[in-house]
Amino acid sequence: MTDPAPTALHRLRQSNAERVLGCLRRHGELSRAEVAEHSGLSRTTLSTILGDLIRRGVVVETELPPSNRRGRPTGGLALNPGAGQYLGLELGRNRIRLVLADAAHRVQARDDLSYGSARGAADRLALAERAVREAADRHGITLGTLAGIGVGSTGPGELVLAPAAGLAEPDGLRGRELIADRLARAFEVPVGVDNNTRLTALAEATWGAAAGASDLLYAHFSHGTGGGLIIGGQLIRGTGGVAAELGHLCVDDTGPECWCGGRGCLERYASVPAVLRATGHRRWAVLRDALAGDGAESEVVRTAGEHAGAALAAMCTAVNAGRVVLGGELAELGEPFLRPLRESFARRAMRSLRGGVEFGTAGTAPWGGALGGLALALHESPLLARYPLPQHPEQAAAPDAESGR
């Protein structure tokens, strides 16, 4: 087993690098003394961090004007806007979301668009390629400096990596392999494709509601129900990439059959299709408005919340996550869903867990999948320390928490 000490050291270095880069973002060009003053880092630590950032091209050395007529110019430091671009992309059920950032962590462009008439995988990937190029054009971004792409896609399964030349055997590819190969060949950069809910967990632990958390369970209640898990500061995939697939925990062994082969799965109760089916509504907006009354809709949402709380209690008992972040359309309904969820959790969780688990709602919504893809592309987050990742010619630091929210 790998010694966890390097991971802790990596996390500390990453945190220090973030402080330095944050100073340069807020104040612009600075001298080394000014960076030390603003960051609070020791001269030795600062020298190490700056040396690494300069070596990677994220920070460049400049010449500051003298403070008086007789003085000599002094050495300065600035972010390097030309150090490379990174793309985070979410290929969701109904929409594409993309975020472009530079190696200095600044989010420069984002876009959100419907698939429209694009139905098949090839058409949707063509639309995604076109959306990236158009977003870059609108914002004056040169994709010739693109260094990596991270993609979140729907459905359980493994992380897929493709080198810049694409996969060795491109014929007959499907799912994440098709996405990775197509985008790698289109943009000639390494591509990583992972589950979008798992990447949202990464985004939430990096910049969202649980920023800095080393133990986190993210639960997503949308057209599907899923989760992402961070334990001991590591993003967990599990065997086959199905870790934290909350939607397929059984909450009623006499319940309806599920496509996964199980019965009474949480997704059959606490998802958008399940709630719409149980209430007879066809549009989510209509159901949301109906919750203002005290009709059948409220009871269906309450039942969904109770089942969700039961599943989360079981999951937290198993993995002992200290924070639970809730996202998706059901979580966005607010207390009609969240109150019964918390009450159900409190009834079923171990007594020692009941007051020790902190609940929150997603802070990166609706960009969590794309921001998680961006983190995967940058792959400097300590949460990815044991993740298999594509190798870039140049390494980059994690993206800007402020502009990336």
Protein backbone atom coordinates (compact mmCIF):
# COMPACT_ATOMS: atom_id res chain seq x y z
CA MET A 1 0.00 0.00 0.00
CA THR A 2 1.23 3.50 -0.82
CA ASP A 3 2.40 5.51 2.15
CA PRO A 4 -0.23 8.25 2.77
CA ALA A 5 2.41 10.77 3.88
CA PRO A 6 3.16 12.08 0.35
CA THR A 7 -0.54 12.79 -0.09
CA ALA A 8 -0.62 14.99 3.02
CA LEU A 9 2.52 16.78 1.86
CA HIS A 10 1.04 17.23 -1.61
CA ARG A 11 -2.10 18.72 -0.06
CA LEU A 12 -0.02 21.20 1.96
CA ARG A 13 2.01 22.24 -1.08
CA GLN A 14 -1.15 22.64 -3.13
CA SER A 15 -2.68 24.81 -0.42
CA ASN A 16 0.43 27.01 -0.33
CA ALA A 17 0.45 27.27 -4.12
CA GLU A 18 -3.19 28.37 -4.00
CA ARG A 19 -2.29 31.12 -1.54
CA VAL A 20 0.46 32.42 -3.80
CA LEU A 21 -1.67 32.30 -6.92
CA GLY A 22 -4.55 33.94 -5.06
CA CYS A 23 -2.30 36.86 -4.14
CA LEU A 24 -1.26 37.35 -7.76
CA ARG A 25 -4.87 37.14 -8.95
CA ARG A 26 -6.06 39.72 -6.44
CA HIS A 27 -3.15 42.16 -6.56
CA GLY A 28 -1.62 41.64 -10.00
CA GLU A 29 2.13 41.92 -10.48
CA LEU A 30 4.02 41.77 -7.17
CA SER A 31 7.57 41.60 -5.88
CA ARG A 32 8.67 38.51 -3.96
CA ALA A 33 8.59 40.52 -0.74
CA GLU A 34 5.01 41.58 -1.45
CA VAL A 35 3.97 38.01 -2.20
CA ALA A 36 5.51 36.93 1.11
CA GLU A 37 3.68 39.71 2.94
CA HIS A 38 0.29 38.95 1.38
CA SER A 39 0.56 35.16 1.61
CA GLY A 40 2.10 34.91 5.06
CA LEU A 41 4.45 32.16 3.90
CA SER A 42 8.02 31.87 5.08
CA ARG A 43 10.81 32.84 2.71
CA THR A 44 11.96 29.23 2.38
CA THR A 45 8.49 27.87 1.67
CA LEU A 46 7.75 30.69 -0.75
CA SER A 47 10.98 30.06 -2.64
CA THR A 48 10.08 26.40 -3.12
CA ILE A 49 6.51 27.15 -4.23
CA LEU A 50 7.54 29.93 -6.61
CA GLY A 51 10.30 27.81 -8.09
CA ASP A 52 7.80 25.10 -8.93
CA LEU A 53 5.22 27.52 -10.36
CA ILE A 54 7.85 29.26 -12.50
CA ARG A 55 9.22 25.95 -13.72
CA ARG A 56 5.75 24.91 -14.83
CA GLY A 57 5.15 28.24 -16.54
CA VAL A 58 2.16 29.17 -14.39
CA VAL A 59 4.03 32.19 -12.98
CA VAL A 60 6.53 34.34 -14.89
CA GLU A 61 9.26 36.63 -13.64
CA THR A 62 8.91 40.28 -14.62
CA GLU A 63 10.68 43.58 -14.04
CA LEU A 64 8.99 46.12 -11.79
CA PRO A 65 9.74 49.83 -12.24
CA PRO A 66 12.02 51.43 -9.62
CA SER A 67 10.36 53.11 -6.67
CA ASN A 68 12.33 56.30 -7.31
CA ARG A 69 14.34 57.91 -10.12
CA ARG A 70 17.72 56.58 -8.99
CA GLY A 71 16.52 53.12 -8.03
CA ARG A 72 17.04 50.03 -10.08
CA PRO A 73 14.20 47.94 -11.43
CA THR A 74 13.25 45.12 -9.09
CA GLY A 75 12.19 41.59 -9.96
CA GLY A 76 8.47 40.96 -10.08
CA LEU A 77 6.10 38.03 -10.43
CA ALA A 78 2.90 37.69 -12.44
CA LEU A 79 0.50 35.03 -13.61
CA ASN A 80 1.24 33.70 -17.07
CA PRO A 81 -1.98 33.84 -19.12
CA GLY A 82 -0.39 31.89 -21.95
CA ALA A 83 0.59 28.85 -19.89
CA GLY A 84 -2.12 26.65 -21.37
CA GLN A 85 -5.85 26.09 -21.33
CA TYR A 86 -7.84 23.31 -19.70
CA LEU A 87 -11.40 22.23 -20.46
CA GLY A 88 -14.01 20.79 -18.12
CA LEU A 89 -17.04 19.37 -19.89
CA GLU A 90 -20.23 17.75 -18.65
CA LEU A 91 -22.28 15.71 -21.08
CA GLY A 92 -25.47 15.47 -19.07
CA ARG A 93 -28.79 13.86 -19.80
CA ASN A 94 -30.28 16.95 -21.46
CA ARG A 95 -27.54 19.56 -21.57
CA ILE A 96 -23.87 20.27 -22.22
CA ARG A 97 -21.94 22.45 -19.79
CA LEU A 98 -18.36 23.53 -20.35
CA VAL A 99 -15.75 25.53 -18.47
CA LEU A 100 -12.44 26.75 -19.95
CA ALA A 101 -9.67 27.85 -17.58
CA ASP A 102 -6.03 28.77 -17.93
CA ALA A 103 -3.15 27.20 -16.05
CA ALA A 104 -3.18 30.15 -13.65
CA HIS A 105 -6.57 28.90 -12.40
CA ARG A 106 -8.72 31.61 -13.97
CA VAL A 107 -12.00 30.46 -15.48
CA GLN A 108 -12.16 32.32 -18.78
CA ALA A 109 -15.30 30.98 -20.43
CA ARG A 110 -18.30 28.85 -19.68
CA ASP A 111 -21.32 27.77 -21.66
CA ASP A 112 -24.54 25.88 -21.06
CA LEU A 113 -26.64 24.59 -23.95
CA SER A 114 -29.33 22.06 -24.75
CA TYR A 115 -28.72 19.09 -27.03
CA GLY A 116 -31.69 20.27 -29.08
CA SER A 117 -32.23 17.90 -32.00
CA ALA A 118 -28.92 16.07 -31.43
CA ARG A 119 -30.01 12.60 -30.33
CA GLY A 120 -27.27 10.07 -31.03
CA ALA A 121 -23.86 9.95 -29.38
CA ALA A 122 -22.04 11.07 -32.52
CA ASP A 123 -24.33 14.08 -33.01
CA ARG A 124 -24.02 15.10 -29.37
CA LEU A 125 -20.25 14.86 -29.45
CA ALA A 126 -20.17 16.94 -32.63
CA LEU A 127 -22.33 19.54 -30.86
CA ALA A 128 -19.97 19.52 -27.87
CA GLU A 129 -16.93 20.04 -30.10
CA ARG A 130 -18.62 22.92 -31.86
CA ALA A 131 -19.72 24.48 -28.54
CA VAL A 132 -16.14 24.41 -27.23
CA ARG A 133 -14.76 26.06 -30.36
CA GLU A 134 -17.49 28.70 -30.40
CA ALA A 135 -17.01 29.52 -26.71
CA ALA A 136 -13.26 29.86 -27.28
CA ASP A 137 -13.86 32.16 -30.26
CA ARG A 138 -16.27 34.39 -28.32
CA HIS A 139 -13.76 34.87 -25.53
CA GLY A 140 -10.64 35.16 -27.69
CA ILE A 141 -9.15 31.90 -26.39
CA THR A 142 -6.63 30.06 -28.54
CA LEU A 143 -7.33 26.34 -28.38
CA GLY A 144 -3.86 25.69 -29.74
CA THR A 145 -2.70 26.01 -26.11
CA LEU A 146 -5.28 23.49 -24.84
CA ALA A 147 -3.42 21.01 -22.64
CA GLY A 148 -6.09 18.64 -21.34
CA ILE A 149 -9.80 17.82 -21.14
CA GLY A 150 -11.82 16.28 -18.32
CA VAL A 151 -15.35 15.09 -19.01
CA GLY A 152 -18.22 14.04 -16.79
CA SER A 153 -20.77 11.72 -18.38
CA THR A 154 -23.87 10.01 -17.04
CA GLY A 155 -24.09 6.45 -15.82
CA PRO A 156 -21.99 4.24 -13.52
CA GLY A 157 -18.69 2.81 -14.63
CA GLU A 158 -14.96 3.25 -14.81
CA LEU A 159 -12.76 6.22 -15.61
CA VAL A 160 -11.53 6.11 -19.23
CA LEU A 161 -8.33 7.81 -20.36
CA ALA A 162 -7.25 8.57 -23.90
CA PRO A 163 -3.88 9.96 -25.04
CA ALA A 164 -3.74 12.89 -27.45
CA ALA A 165 -3.67 10.53 -30.44
CA GLY A 166 -6.83 8.74 -29.32
CA LEU A 167 -7.32 5.10 -28.34
CA ALA A 168 -5.39 2.38 -30.12
CA GLU A 169 -8.47 0.61 -31.49
CA PRO A 170 -11.12 3.23 -32.28
CA ASP A 171 -13.56 0.95 -34.09
CA GLY A 172 -16.74 -0.06 -32.28
CA LEU A 173 -16.21 2.20 -29.28
CA ARG A 174 -19.15 3.10 -27.04
CA GLY A 175 -19.87 5.17 -23.97
CA ARG A 176 -16.91 6.79 -22.24
CA GLU A 177 -14.38 5.19 -24.57
CA LEU A 178 -16.11 6.80 -27.56
CA ILE A 179 -16.20 10.19 -25.80
CA ALA A 180 -12.54 10.04 -24.81
CA ASP A 181 -11.34 8.92 -28.25
CA ARG A 182 -13.46 11.42 -30.19
CA LEU A 183 -12.42 14.44 -28.11
CA ALA A 184 -8.74 13.42 -27.96
CA ARG A 185 -8.61 13.20 -31.75
CA ALA A 186 -10.59 16.41 -32.24
CA PHE A 187 -8.42 18.55 -29.96
CA GLU A 188 -5.18 16.50 -29.94
CA VAL A 189 -4.83 16.52 -26.14
CA PRO A 190 -5.16 13.89 -23.39
CA VAL A 191 -8.77 13.29 -22.26
CA GLY A 192 -10.19 11.73 -19.10
CA VAL A 193 -13.87 10.75 -18.88
CA ASP A 194 -15.52 9.80 -15.60
CA ASN A 195 -18.93 9.66 -13.95
CA ASN A 196 -20.37 13.19 -13.71
CA THR A 197 -21.74 12.71 -10.19
CA ARG A 198 -18.36 11.48 -8.95
CA LEU A 199 -16.74 14.54 -10.51
CA THR A 200 -19.33 16.78 -8.84
CA ALA A 201 -18.18 15.34 -5.52
CA LEU A 202 -14.65 16.36 -6.49
CA ALA A 203 -15.85 19.88 -7.35
CA GLU A 204 -17.78 20.22 -4.08
CA ALA A 205 -14.77 19.12 -2.02
CA THR A 206 -12.51 21.49 -3.93
CA TRP A 207 -14.57 24.68 -4.31
CA GLY A 208 -18.10 24.01 -3.16
CA ALA A 209 -20.14 23.43 -0.01
CA ALA A 210 -17.53 21.08 1.50
CA ALA A 211 -14.32 22.77 0.33
CA GLY A 212 -11.37 21.23 2.12
CA ALA A 213 -13.31 18.25 3.50
CA SER A 214 -11.34 15.01 3.65
CA ASP A 215 -14.46 12.84 4.09
CA LEU A 216 -17.50 13.62 1.98
CA LEU A 217 -20.55 11.86 0.58
CA TYR A 218 -22.21 13.66 -2.31
CA ALA A 219 -25.76 12.55 -3.19
CA HIS A 220 -27.43 13.63 -6.42
CA PHE A 221 -31.21 13.36 -6.88
CA SER A 222 -32.06 14.16 -10.48
CA HIS A 223 -33.20 12.16 -13.52
CA GLY A 224 -31.00 9.48 -12.02
CA THR A 225 -29.87 9.06 -8.42
CA GLY A 226 -26.18 8.65 -7.70
CA GLY A 227 -23.33 9.68 -5.48
CA GLY A 228 -19.66 10.41 -5.11
CA LEU A 229 -17.42 9.50 -2.21
CA ILE A 230 -14.27 11.04 -0.78
CA ILE A 231 -12.63 9.20 2.10
CA GLY A 232 -9.34 10.10 3.73
CA GLY A 233 -8.82 12.87 1.20
CA GLN A 234 -9.15 10.51 -1.77
CA LEU A 235 -11.81 10.34 -4.49
CA ILE A 236 -13.05 6.74 -4.52
CA ARG A 237 -14.10 4.80 -7.64
CA GLY A 238 -14.36 1.28 -6.28
CA THR A 239 -14.32 -1.95 -8.29
CA GLY A 240 -15.98 -1.30 -11.63
CA GLY A 241 -16.44 2.40 -10.84
CA VAL A 242 -19.67 1.98 -8.88
CA ALA A 243 -18.65 3.30 -5.45
CA ALA A 244 -21.41 5.37 -3.80
CA GLU A 245 -24.08 4.41 -6.36
CA LEU A 246 -26.76 5.44 -3.88
CA GLY A 247 -29.55 5.08 -6.40
CA HIS A 248 -29.18 1.32 -6.28
CA LEU A 249 -29.25 0.81 -2.54
CA CYS A 250 -32.37 -1.17 -1.67
CA VAL A 251 -34.81 0.81 0.49
CA ASP A 252 -37.78 -1.56 0.07
CA ASP A 253 -37.22 -5.23 -0.80
CA THR A 254 -40.86 -5.55 -1.85
CA GLY A 255 -40.62 -2.51 -4.13
CA PRO A 256 -40.61 -2.31 -7.94
CA GLU A 257 -37.93 -3.92 -10.07
CA CYS A 258 -35.07 -1.70 -11.20
CA TRP A 259 -33.11 -1.72 -14.46
CA CYS A 260 -29.98 -2.60 -12.45
CA GLY A 261 -31.44 -6.02 -11.64
CA GLY A 262 -32.38 -5.14 -8.07
CA ARG A 263 -35.71 -4.38 -6.45
CA GLY A 264 -36.88 -1.40 -4.41
CA CYS A 265 -33.85 0.72 -5.31
CA LEU A 266 -33.72 4.31 -4.05
CA GLU A 267 -33.81 5.62 -7.64
CA ARG A 268 -37.31 4.16 -8.01
CA TYR A 269 -38.51 6.56 -5.29
CA ALA A 270 -36.15 9.56 -5.06
CA SER A 271 -35.55 10.72 -8.63
CA VAL A 272 -37.28 13.13 -10.98
CA PRO A 273 -38.94 10.39 -13.09
CA ALA A 274 -40.09 8.52 -9.97
CA VAL A 275 -41.69 11.58 -8.40
CA LEU A 276 -43.35 12.65 -11.63
CA ARG A 277 -44.66 9.13 -12.16
CA ALA A 278 -46.08 8.92 -8.63
CA THR A 279 -47.83 12.31 -8.90
CA GLY A 280 -49.07 11.97 -12.46
CA HIS A 281 -47.33 15.17 -13.56
CA ARG A 282 -45.31 15.40 -16.77
CA ARG A 283 -43.38 18.60 -16.05
CA TRP A 284 -41.16 19.27 -13.06
CA ALA A 285 -42.08 22.96 -12.93
CA VAL A 286 -45.75 22.06 -12.48
CA LEU A 287 -44.94 19.67 -9.64
CA ARG A 288 -42.71 22.25 -7.98
CA ASP A 289 -45.49 24.82 -8.03
CA ALA A 290 -47.98 22.29 -6.68
CA LEU A 291 -45.87 21.79 -3.55
CA ALA A 292 -47.15 25.14 -2.29
CA GLY A 293 -50.38 23.29 -1.46
CA ASP A 294 -50.92 20.29 0.78
CA GLY A 295 -51.83 17.72 -1.83
CA ALA A 296 -50.53 14.39 -3.02
CA GLU A 297 -47.35 16.01 -4.34
CA SER A 298 -46.18 16.87 -0.83
CA GLU A 299 -46.71 13.30 0.34
CA VAL A 300 -44.79 11.83 -2.60
CA VAL A 301 -41.85 14.22 -2.02
CA ARG A 302 -41.93 13.47 1.72
CA THR A 303 -41.77 9.73 1.01
CA ALA A 304 -38.85 10.30 -1.39
CA GLY A 305 -37.04 12.24 1.33
CA GLU A 306 -37.61 9.48 3.88
CA HIS A 307 -36.23 6.83 1.56
CA ALA A 308 -33.23 9.05 0.76
CA GLY A 309 -32.52 9.56 4.47
CA ALA A 310 -32.63 5.81 5.06
CA ALA A 311 -30.13 5.17 2.26
CA LEU A 312 -27.82 7.93 3.47
CA ALA A 313 -27.93 6.59 7.03
CA ALA A 314 -26.80 3.19 5.80
CA MET A 315 -24.11 4.71 3.62
CA CYS A 316 -22.74 6.99 6.33
CA THR A 317 -22.70 4.13 8.82
CA ALA A 318 -20.63 2.13 6.35
CA VAL A 319 -18.12 4.82 5.35
CA ASN A 320 -18.35 7.30 8.27
CA ALA A 321 -18.48 10.40 6.06
CA GLY A 322 -18.50 13.57 8.15
CA ARG A 323 -20.25 15.68 5.51
CA VAL A 324 -23.14 14.99 3.19
CA VAL A 325 -23.78 17.35 0.29
CA LEU A 326 -27.10 17.10 -1.53
CA GLY A 327 -27.68 18.14 -5.12
CA GLY A 328 -30.11 17.78 -8.01
CA GLU A 329 -33.69 18.83 -8.59
CA LEU A 330 -35.11 17.10 -5.52
CA ALA A 331 -32.59 18.76 -3.21
CA GLU A 332 -33.46 22.09 -4.83
CA LEU A 333 -37.08 21.64 -3.68
CA GLY A 334 -35.80 22.61 -0.22
CA GLU A 335 -37.45 21.63 3.04
CA PRO A 336 -40.34 19.55 1.59
CA PHE A 337 -37.63 17.04 0.61
CA LEU A 338 -34.76 17.89 2.97
CA ARG A 339 -36.69 17.85 6.27
CA PRO A 340 -37.99 14.28 5.96
CA LEU A 341 -34.56 13.25 4.68
CA ARG A 342 -32.82 14.59 7.80
CA GLU A 343 -35.49 13.15 10.12
CA SER A 344 -35.24 9.73 8.48
CA PHE A 345 -31.46 9.85 8.71
CA ALA A 346 -31.65 10.72 12.43
CA ARG A 347 -33.97 7.78 13.15
CA ARG A 348 -31.80 5.24 11.35
CA ALA A 349 -28.19 6.33 11.76
CA MET A 350 -25.97 5.17 14.60
CA ARG A 351 -26.43 7.34 17.64
CA SER A 352 -22.84 8.58 17.44
CA LEU A 353 -23.41 9.72 13.85
CA ARG A 354 -26.64 11.64 14.36
CA GLY A 355 -25.05 14.85 15.53
CA GLY A 356 -21.72 14.33 13.81
CA VAL A 357 -22.76 14.47 10.16
CA GLU A 358 -23.06 17.91 8.60
CA PHE A 359 -25.61 18.28 5.80
CA GLY A 360 -25.42 20.94 3.09
CA THR A 361 -26.64 21.63 -0.42
CA ALA A 362 -24.43 21.81 -3.47
CA GLY A 363 -22.40 24.99 -3.87
CA THR A 364 -21.19 24.41 -7.44
CA ALA A 365 -24.62 23.71 -9.00
CA PRO A 366 -25.32 23.56 -11.86
CA TRP A 367 -21.64 23.54 -12.89
CA GLY A 368 -20.42 20.75 -10.62
CA GLY A 369 -19.90 18.13 -13.34
CA ALA A 370 -18.01 20.54 -15.60
CA LEU A 371 -15.90 21.91 -12.74
CA GLY A 372 -15.09 18.38 -11.64
CA GLY A 373 -14.04 17.66 -15.22
CA LEU A 374 -11.81 20.72 -15.07
CA ALA A 375 -10.20 19.42 -11.87
CA LEU A 376 -9.66 16.08 -13.58
CA ALA A 377 -7.99 17.82 -16.54
CA LEU A 378 -5.75 19.88 -14.27
CA HIS A 379 -5.27 16.77 -12.06
CA GLU A 380 -3.30 18.56 -9.38
CA SER A 381 -5.99 18.22 -6.72
CA PRO A 382 -4.69 16.13 -3.80
CA LEU A 383 -8.04 14.32 -3.91
CA LEU A 384 -6.79 12.68 -7.12
CA ALA A 385 -3.46 11.55 -5.67
CA ARG A 386 -4.17 7.87 -6.33
CA TYR A 387 -6.29 8.34 -9.43
CA PRO A 388 -4.82 7.02 -12.72
CA LEU A 389 -4.47 10.12 -14.88
CA PRO A 390 -3.20 11.09 -18.33
CA GLN A 391 0.26 12.58 -18.44
CA HIS A 392 0.57 16.16 -19.70
CA PRO A 393 3.75 17.72 -21.03
CA GLU A 394 3.31 20.43 -18.42
CA GLN A 395 1.60 20.14 -15.08
CA ALA A 396 -0.88 22.79 -13.92
CA ALA A 397 -2.26 23.83 -10.56
CA ALA A 398 -5.86 23.44 -9.41
CA PRO A 399 -8.44 25.91 -10.74
CA ASP A 400 -9.56 29.15 -9.17
CA ALA A 401 -12.09 28.63 -6.38
CA GLU A 402 -13.51 32.11 -6.76
CA SER A 403 -13.97 32.32 -10.51
CA GLY A 404 -14.82 28.63 -10.77
CA ARG A 405 -17.91 28.74 -8.58
